Structure formats: structure tokens, C-alpha cells
Amino acid sequence: MELCHTDIFLHSAAAKQLVELIQNRRQKWAEPQAEWLSVNDFEDYEQELHQLVMLLECELLQEELSRYDVTAE
């Protein structure tokens, strides 16, 4: 899966972290010692991925909700 037009979304801190996590994981698997990756590595990756996806969701919802803010006298 290739991310396209990431510059549109990268103003989000969570999006930047998510892209970095995915890129680092892919690089790790490309290394010759990748077969030594353990279940703990997967578990850590899964947890970090989940946290970043939730953080990105929160950022996007916050952005959307801010559009509903009304300034009234």
C-alpha cells in the first residue's frame, strides 16, 4: 500500500507519527535479520499502531467539531 498526497495530511502530528511508524516497520522487515522479529515485536507494533490511529481519529474529529463552533455575542 502506498500513501499518496501525504503532504495534505502531514500537518497533523498524529499523521506524521503514523507514516513514520509504517515506514520504519517496512524498513525493519526489509533487513536481512527480519526473520528474527518476535511476537513481542508484533505486539508492540500493534499497540503503537492502534494508539496512533486513535490519536489521528481524535485530531480529525477535533478539527471537524471546531467547524461547528459558533461565535455569538
PDB file of N, CA and C in Angstrom:
ATOM      1  N   MET A   1       0.852  -1.171   0.000  1.00  0.00           N
ATOM      2  CA  MET A   1       0.000   0.000   0.000  1.00  0.00           C
ATOM      3  C   MET A   1       0.892   1.227   0.000  1.00  0.00           C
ATOM      4  N   GLU A   2       0.644   2.128  -0.904  1.00  0.00           N
ATOM      5  CA  GLU A   2       1.437   3.336  -0.993  1.00  0.00           C
ATOM      6  C   GLU A   2       0.571   4.523  -0.639  1.00  0.00           C
ATOM      7  N   LEU A   3       1.106   5.383   0.228  1.00  0.00           N
ATOM      8  CA  LEU A   3       0.377   6.591   0.595  1.00  0.00           C
ATOM      9  C   LEU A   3       0.612   7.649  -0.467  1.00  0.00           C
ATOM     10  N   CYS A   4      -0.454   8.247  -0.940  1.00  0.00           N
ATOM     11  CA  CYS A   4      -0.350   9.286  -1.950  1.00  0.00           C
ATOM     12  C   CYS A   4      -0.770  10.615  -1.356  1.00  0.00           C
ATOM     13  N   HIS A   5      -0.158  11.655  -1.811  1.00  0.00           N
ATOM     14  CA  HIS A   5      -0.502  13.007  -1.382  1.00  0.00           C
ATOM     15  C   HIS A   5      -0.455  13.150   0.135  1.00  0.00           C
ATOM     16  N   THR A   6       0.559  12.567   0.746  1.00  0.00           N
ATOM     17  CA  THR A   6       0.662  12.627   2.202  1.00  0.00           C
ATOM     18  C   THR A   6       0.886  14.047   2.699  1.00  0.00           C
ATOM     19  N   ASP A   7       1.418  14.917   1.845  1.00  0.00           N
ATOM     20  CA  ASP A   7       1.664  16.288   2.296  1.00  0.00           C
ATOM     21  C   ASP A   7       0.370  16.995   2.691  1.00  0.00           C
ATOM     22  N   ILE A   8      -0.750  16.573   2.168  1.00  0.00           N
ATOM     23  CA  ILE A   8      -2.039  17.159   2.521  1.00  0.00           C
ATOM     24  C   ILE A   8      -2.377  16.877   3.981  1.00  0.00           C
ATOM     25  N   PHE A   9      -2.044  15.696   4.452  1.00  0.00           N
ATOM     26  CA  PHE A   9      -2.417  15.256   5.785  1.00  0.00           C
ATOM     27  C   PHE A   9      -1.312  15.440   6.814  1.00  0.00           C
ATOM     28  N   LEU A  10      -0.100  15.714   6.379  1.00  0.00           N
ATOM     29  CA  LEU A  10       1.017  15.713   7.301  1.00  0.00           C
ATOM     30  C   LEU A  10       1.081  16.931   8.214  1.00  0.00           C
ATOM     31  N   HIS A  11       0.144  17.834   8.106  1.00  0.00           N
ATOM     32  CA  HIS A  11       0.121  18.922   9.086  1.00  0.00           C
ATOM     33  C   HIS A  11      -0.358  18.408  10.436  1.00  0.00           C
ATOM     34  N   SER A  12      -0.861  17.196  10.451  1.00  0.00           N
ATOM     35  CA  SER A  12      -1.295  16.543  11.675  1.00  0.00           C
ATOM     36  C   SER A  12      -0.114  15.811  12.290  1.00  0.00           C
ATOM     37  N   ALA A  13       0.139  16.054  13.576  1.00  0.00           N
ATOM     38  CA  ALA A  13       1.235  15.381  14.272  1.00  0.00           C
ATOM     39  C   ALA A  13       1.019  13.872  14.281  1.00  0.00           C
ATOM     40  N   ALA A  14      -0.208  13.439  14.505  1.00  0.00           N
ATOM     41  CA  ALA A  14      -0.509  12.008  14.544  1.00  0.00           C
ATOM     42  C   ALA A  14      -0.282  11.364  13.177  1.00  0.00           C
ATOM     43  N   ALA A  15      -0.631  12.054  12.109  1.00  0.00           N
ATOM     44  CA  ALA A  15      -0.427  11.518  10.762  1.00  0.00           C
ATOM     45  C   ALA A  15       1.065  11.351  10.480  1.00  0.00           C
ATOM     46  N   LYS A  16       1.867  12.314  10.895  1.00  0.00           N
ATOM     47  CA  LYS A  16       3.315  12.216  10.706  1.00  0.00           C
ATOM     48  C   LYS A  16       3.868  11.014  11.463  1.00  0.00           C
ATOM     49  N   GLN A  17       3.439  10.842  12.698  1.00  0.00           N
ATOM     50  CA  GLN A  17       3.912   9.717  13.505  1.00  0.00           C
ATOM     51  C   GLN A  17       3.476   8.387  12.902  1.00  0.00           C
ATOM     52  N   LEU A  18       2.264   8.341  12.391  1.00  0.00           N
ATOM     53  CA  LEU A  18       1.745   7.120  11.787  1.00  0.00           C
ATOM     54  C   LEU A  18       2.546   6.746  10.544  1.00  0.00           C
ATOM     55  N   VAL A  19       2.833   7.708   9.705  1.00  0.00           N
ATOM     56  CA  VAL A  19       3.628   7.457   8.498  1.00  0.00           C
ATOM     57  C   VAL A  19       5.020   6.978   8.889  1.00  0.00           C
ATOM     58  N   GLU A  20       5.625   7.609   9.893  1.00  0.00           N
ATOM     59  CA  GLU A  20       6.957   7.199  10.345  1.00  0.00           C
ATOM     60  C   GLU A  20       6.947   5.760  10.872  1.00  0.00           C
ATOM     61  N   LEU A  21       5.930   5.423  11.655  1.00  0.00           N
ATOM     62  CA  LEU A  21       5.820   4.061  12.194  1.00  0.00           C
ATOM     63  C   LEU A  21       5.742   3.043  11.069  1.00  0.00           C
ATOM     64  N   ILE A  22       4.912   3.300  10.087  1.00  0.00           N
ATOM     65  CA  ILE A  22       4.732   2.374   8.966  1.00  0.00           C
ATOM     66  C   ILE A  22       6.025   2.248   8.163  1.00  0.00           C
ATOM     67  N   GLN A  23       6.669   3.380   7.886  1.00  0.00           N
ATOM     68  CA  GLN A  23       7.912   3.343   7.127  1.00  0.00           C
ATOM     69  C   GLN A  23       9.008   2.596   7.883  1.00  0.00           C
ATOM     70  N   ASN A  24       9.116   2.848   9.185  1.00  0.00           N
ATOM     71  CA  ASN A  24      10.126   2.166   9.989  1.00  0.00           C
ATOM     72  C   ASN A  24       9.882   0.669  10.034  1.00  0.00           C
ATOM     73  N   ARG A  25       8.620   0.283  10.143  1.00  0.00           N
ATOM     74  CA  ARG A  25       8.284  -1.140  10.189  1.00  0.00           C
ATOM     75  C   ARG A  25       8.640  -1.821   8.871  1.00  0.00           C
ATOM     76  N   ARG A  26       8.334  -1.168   7.759  1.00  0.00           N
ATOM     77  CA  ARG A  26       8.663  -1.735   6.448  1.00  0.00           C
ATOM     78  C   ARG A  26      10.172  -1.869   6.271  1.00  0.00           C
ATOM     79  N   GLN A  27      10.913  -0.868   6.736  1.00  0.00           N
ATOM     80  CA  GLN A  27      12.373  -0.934   6.647  1.00  0.00           C
ATOM     81  C   GLN A  27      12.918  -2.079   7.496  1.00  0.00           C
ATOM     82  N   LYS A  28      12.334  -2.254   8.668  1.00  0.00           N
ATOM     83  CA  LYS A  28      12.767  -3.321   9.562  1.00  0.00           C
ATOM     84  C   LYS A  28      12.572  -4.686   8.900  1.00  0.00           C
ATOM     85  N   TRP A  29      11.453  -4.878   8.209  1.00  0.00           N
ATOM     86  CA  TRP A  29      11.180  -6.159   7.539  1.00  0.00           C
ATOM     87  C   TRP A  29      12.079  -6.362   6.333  1.00  0.00           C
ATOM     88  N   ALA A  30      12.571  -5.277   5.758  1.00  0.00           N
ATOM     89  CA  ALA A  30      13.431  -5.388   4.583  1.00  0.00           C
ATOM     90  C   ALA A  30      14.857  -5.796   4.952  1.00  0.00           C
ATOM     91  N   GLU A  31      15.208  -5.673   6.228  1.00  0.00           N
ATOM     92  CA  GLU A  31      16.553  -6.024   6.680  1.00  0.00           C
ATOM     93  C   GLU A  31      16.735  -7.541   6.679  1.00  0.00           C
ATOM     94  N   PRO A  32      17.968  -8.001   6.437  1.00  0.00           N
ATOM     95  CA  PRO A  32      18.230  -9.446   6.387  1.00  0.00           C
ATOM     96  C   PRO A  32      17.855 -10.185   7.673  1.00  0.00           C
ATOM     97  N   GLN A  33      17.968  -9.552   8.824  1.00  0.00           N
ATOM     98  CA  GLN A  33      17.649 -10.223  10.083  1.00  0.00           C
ATOM     99  C   GLN A  33      16.165 -10.135  10.423  1.00  0.00           C
ATOM    100  N   ALA A  34      15.327  -9.782   9.460  1.00  0.00           N
ATOM    101  CA  ALA A  34      13.891  -9.634   9.707  1.00  0.00           C
ATOM    102  C   ALA A  34      13.248 -10.924  10.193  1.00  0.00           C
ATOM    103  N   GLU A  35      13.811 -12.063   9.824  1.00  0.00           N
ATOM    104  CA  GLU A  35      13.215 -13.317  10.276  1.00  0.00           C
ATOM    105  C   GLU A  35      13.330 -13.486  11.790  1.00  0.00           C
ATOM    106  N   TRP A  36      14.126 -12.662  12.426  1.00  0.00           N
ATOM    107  CA  TRP A  36      14.295 -12.737  13.884  1.00  0.00           C
ATOM    108  C   TRP A  36      13.260 -11.912  14.627  1.00  0.00           C
ATOM    109  N   LEU A  37      12.374 -11.245  13.909  1.00  0.00           N
ATOM    110  CA  LEU A  37      11.325 -10.477  14.574  1.00  0.00           C
ATOM    111  C   LEU A  37      10.477 -11.415  15.416  1.00  0.00           C
ATOM    112  N   SER A  38      10.154 -10.976  16.603  1.00  0.00           N
ATOM    113  CA  SER A  38       9.442 -11.858  17.533  1.00  0.00           C
ATOM    114  C   SER A  38       7.979 -11.456  17.674  1.00  0.00           C
ATOM    115  N   VAL A  39       7.263 -12.266  18.398  1.00  0.00           N
ATOM    116  CA  VAL A  39       5.867 -11.978  18.703  1.00  0.00           C
ATOM    117  C   VAL A  39       5.783 -10.670  19.485  1.00  0.00           C
ATOM    118  N   ASN A  40       6.743 -10.436  20.364  1.00  0.00           N
ATOM    119  CA  ASN A  40       6.743  -9.182  21.130  1.00  0.00           C
ATOM    120  C   ASN A  40       6.855  -7.976  20.208  1.00  0.00           C
ATOM    121  N   ASP A  41       7.657  -8.101  19.147  1.00  0.00           N
ATOM    122  CA  ASP A  41       7.767  -7.017  18.175  1.00  0.00           C
ATOM    123  C   ASP A  41       6.407  -6.729  17.540  1.00  0.00           C
ATOM    124  N   PHE A  42       5.700  -7.800  17.191  1.00  0.00           N
ATOM    125  CA  PHE A  42       4.382  -7.619  16.596  1.00  0.00           C
ATOM    126  C   PHE A  42       3.432  -6.964  17.584  1.00  0.00           C
ATOM    127  N   GLU A  43       3.451  -7.437  18.814  1.00  0.00           N
ATOM    128  CA  GLU A  43       2.560  -6.888  19.834  1.00  0.00           C
ATOM    129  C   GLU A  43       2.836  -5.406  20.069  1.00  0.00           C
ATOM    130  N   ASP A  44       4.107  -5.039  20.145  1.00  0.00           N
ATOM    131  CA  ASP A  44       4.471  -3.630  20.323  1.00  0.00           C
ATOM    132  C   ASP A  44       3.999  -2.788  19.141  1.00  0.00           C
ATOM    133  N   TYR A  45       4.226  -3.320  17.930  1.00  0.00           N
ATOM    134  CA  TYR A  45       3.791  -2.619  16.719  1.00  0.00           C
ATOM    135  C   TYR A  45       2.273  -2.448  16.707  1.00  0.00           C
ATOM    136  N   GLU A  46       1.569  -3.507  17.035  1.00  0.00           N
ATOM    137  CA  GLU A  46       0.110  -3.468  17.043  1.00  0.00           C
ATOM    138  C   GLU A  46      -0.406  -2.410  18.018  1.00  0.00           C
ATOM    139  N   GLN A  47       0.165  -2.362  19.206  1.00  0.00           N
ATOM    140  CA  GLN A  47      -0.272  -1.396  20.214  1.00  0.00           C
ATOM    141  C   GLN A  47       0.035   0.032  19.790  1.00  0.00           C
ATOM    142  N   GLU A  48       1.234   0.250  19.263  1.00  0.00           N
ATOM    143  CA  GLU A  48       1.595   1.593  18.828  1.00  0.00           C
ATOM    144  C   GLU A  48       0.739   2.035  17.645  1.00  0.00           C
ATOM    145  N   LEU A  49       0.503   1.132  16.720  1.00  0.00           N
ATOM    146  CA  LEU A  49      -0.356   1.431  15.578  1.00  0.00           C
ATOM    147  C   LEU A  49      -1.754   1.823  16.043  1.00  0.00           C
ATOM    148  N   HIS A  50      -2.300   1.051  16.957  1.00  0.00           N
ATOM    149  CA  HIS A  50      -3.637   1.331  17.485  1.00  0.00           C
ATOM    150  C   HIS A  50      -3.684   2.700  18.163  1.00  0.00           C
ATOM    151  N   GLN A  51      -2.688   3.010  18.967  1.00  0.00           N
ATOM    152  CA  GLN A  51      -2.653   4.302  19.654  1.00  0.00           C
ATOM    153  C   GLN A  51      -2.581   5.462  18.667  1.00  0.00           C
ATOM    154  N   LEU A  52      -1.764   5.317  17.634  1.00  0.00           N
ATOM    155  CA  LEU A  52      -1.625   6.394  16.661  1.00  0.00           C
ATOM    156  C   LEU A  52      -2.879   6.565  15.809  1.00  0.00           C
ATOM    157  N   VAL A  53      -3.528   5.472  15.467  1.00  0.00           N
ATOM    158  CA  VAL A  53      -4.774   5.570  14.700  1.00  0.00           C
ATOM    159  C   VAL A  53      -5.842   6.263  15.543  1.00  0.00           C
ATOM    160  N   MET A  54      -5.909   5.922  16.819  1.00  0.00           N
ATOM    161  CA  MET A  54      -6.873   6.587  17.707  1.00  0.00           C
ATOM    162  C   MET A  54      -6.545   8.069  17.855  1.00  0.00           C
ATOM    163  N   LEU A  55      -5.260   8.400  17.970  1.00  0.00           N
ATOM    164  CA  LEU A  55      -4.849   9.793  18.086  1.00  0.00           C
ATOM    165  C   LEU A  55      -5.202  10.566  16.823  1.00  0.00           C
ATOM    166  N   LEU A  56      -4.965   9.955  15.671  1.00  0.00           N
ATOM    167  CA  LEU A  56      -5.324  10.594  14.402  1.00  0.00           C
ATOM    168  C   LEU A  56      -6.833  10.810  14.328  1.00  0.00           C
ATOM    169  N   GLU A  57      -7.603   9.820  14.740  1.00  0.00           N
ATOM    170  CA  GLU A  57      -9.060   9.961  14.752  1.00  0.00           C
ATOM    171  C   GLU A  57      -9.476  11.134  15.640  1.00  0.00           C
ATOM    172  N   CYS A  58      -8.874  11.241  16.806  1.00  0.00           N
ATOM    173  CA  CYS A  58      -9.202  12.345  17.717  1.00  0.00           C
ATOM    174  C   CYS A  58      -8.866  13.696  17.094  1.00  0.00           C
ATOM    175  N   GLU A  59      -7.700  13.772  16.450  1.00  0.00           N
ATOM    176  CA  GLU A  59      -7.316  15.034  15.808  1.00  0.00           C
ATOM    177  C   GLU A  59      -8.296  15.414  14.702  1.00  0.00           C
ATOM    178  N   LEU A  60      -8.680  14.441  13.894  1.00  0.00           N
ATOM    179  CA  LEU A  60      -9.605  14.724  12.790  1.00  0.00           C
ATOM    180  C   LEU A  60     -10.993  15.102  13.303  1.00  0.00           C
ATOM    181  N   LEU A  61     -11.449  14.431  14.356  1.00  0.00           N
ATOM    182  CA  LEU A  61     -12.747  14.785  14.938  1.00  0.00           C
ATOM    183  C   LEU A  61     -12.708  16.158  15.586  1.00  0.00           C
ATOM    184  N   GLN A  62     -11.595  16.471  16.237  1.00  0.00           N
ATOM    185  CA  GLN A  62     -11.446  17.797  16.841  1.00  0.00           C
ATOM    186  C   GLN A  62     -11.506  18.885  15.766  1.00  0.00           C
ATOM    187  N   GLU A  63     -10.827  18.631  14.655  1.00  0.00           N
ATOM    188  CA  GLU A  63     -10.847  19.577  13.545  1.00  0.00           C
ATOM    189  C   GLU A  63     -12.276  19.767  13.019  1.00  0.00           C
ATOM    190  N   GLU A  64     -12.976  18.657  12.848  1.00  0.00           N
ATOM    191  CA  GLU A  64     -14.348  18.722  12.331  1.00  0.00           C
ATOM    192  C   GLU A  64     -15.276  19.420  13.320  1.00  0.00           C
ATOM    193  N   LEU A  65     -15.156  19.071  14.591  1.00  0.00           N
ATOM    194  CA  LEU A  65     -16.021  19.695  15.603  1.00  0.00           C
ATOM    195  C   LEU A  65     -15.774  21.192  15.724  1.00  0.00           C
ATOM    196  N   SER A  66     -14.542  21.617  15.508  1.00  0.00           N
ATOM    197  CA  SER A  66     -14.236  23.046  15.603  1.00  0.00           C
ATOM    198  C   SER A  66     -14.993  23.855  14.546  1.00  0.00           C
ATOM    199  N   ARG A  67     -15.379  23.211  13.479  1.00  0.00           N
ATOM    200  CA  ARG A  67     -16.148  23.896  12.432  1.00  0.00           C
ATOM    201  C   ARG A  67     -17.574  24.196  12.883  1.00  0.00           C
ATOM    202  N   TYR A  68     -18.016  23.481  13.905  1.00  0.00           N
ATOM    203  CA  TYR A  68     -19.375  23.707  14.437  1.00  0.00           C
ATOM    204  C   TYR A  68     -19.393  24.809  15.505  1.00  0.00           C
ATOM    205  N   ASP A  69     -18.220  25.236  15.934  1.00  0.00           N
ATOM    206  CA  ASP A  69     -18.156  26.296  16.935  1.00  0.00           C
ATOM    207  C   ASP A  69     -18.740  27.572  16.365  1.00  0.00           C
ATOM    208  N   VAL A  70     -19.561  28.211  17.160  1.00  0.00           N
ATOM    209  CA  VAL A  70     -20.210  29.436  16.734  1.00  0.00           C
ATOM    210  C   VAL A  70     -19.798  30.545  17.700  1.00  0.00           C
ATOM    211  N   THR A  71     -19.401  31.642  17.135  1.00  0.00           N
ATOM    212  CA  THR A  71     -19.099  32.779  17.992  1.00  0.00           C
ATOM    213  C   THR A  71     -20.315  33.700  17.977  1.00  0.00           C
ATOM    214  N   ALA A  72     -20.856  33.933  19.134  1.00  0.00           N
ATOM    215  CA  ALA A  72     -22.055  34.776  19.254  1.00  0.00           C
ATOM    216  C   ALA A  72     -21.833  35.766  20.377  1.00  0.00           C
ATOM    217  N   GLU A  73     -22.437  36.917  20.235  1.00  0.00           N
ATOM    218  CA  GLU A  73     -22.330  37.918  21.293  1.00  0.00           C
ATOM    219  C   GLU A  73     -23.255  37.578  22.437  1.00  0.00           C
TER     220      GLU A  73
END
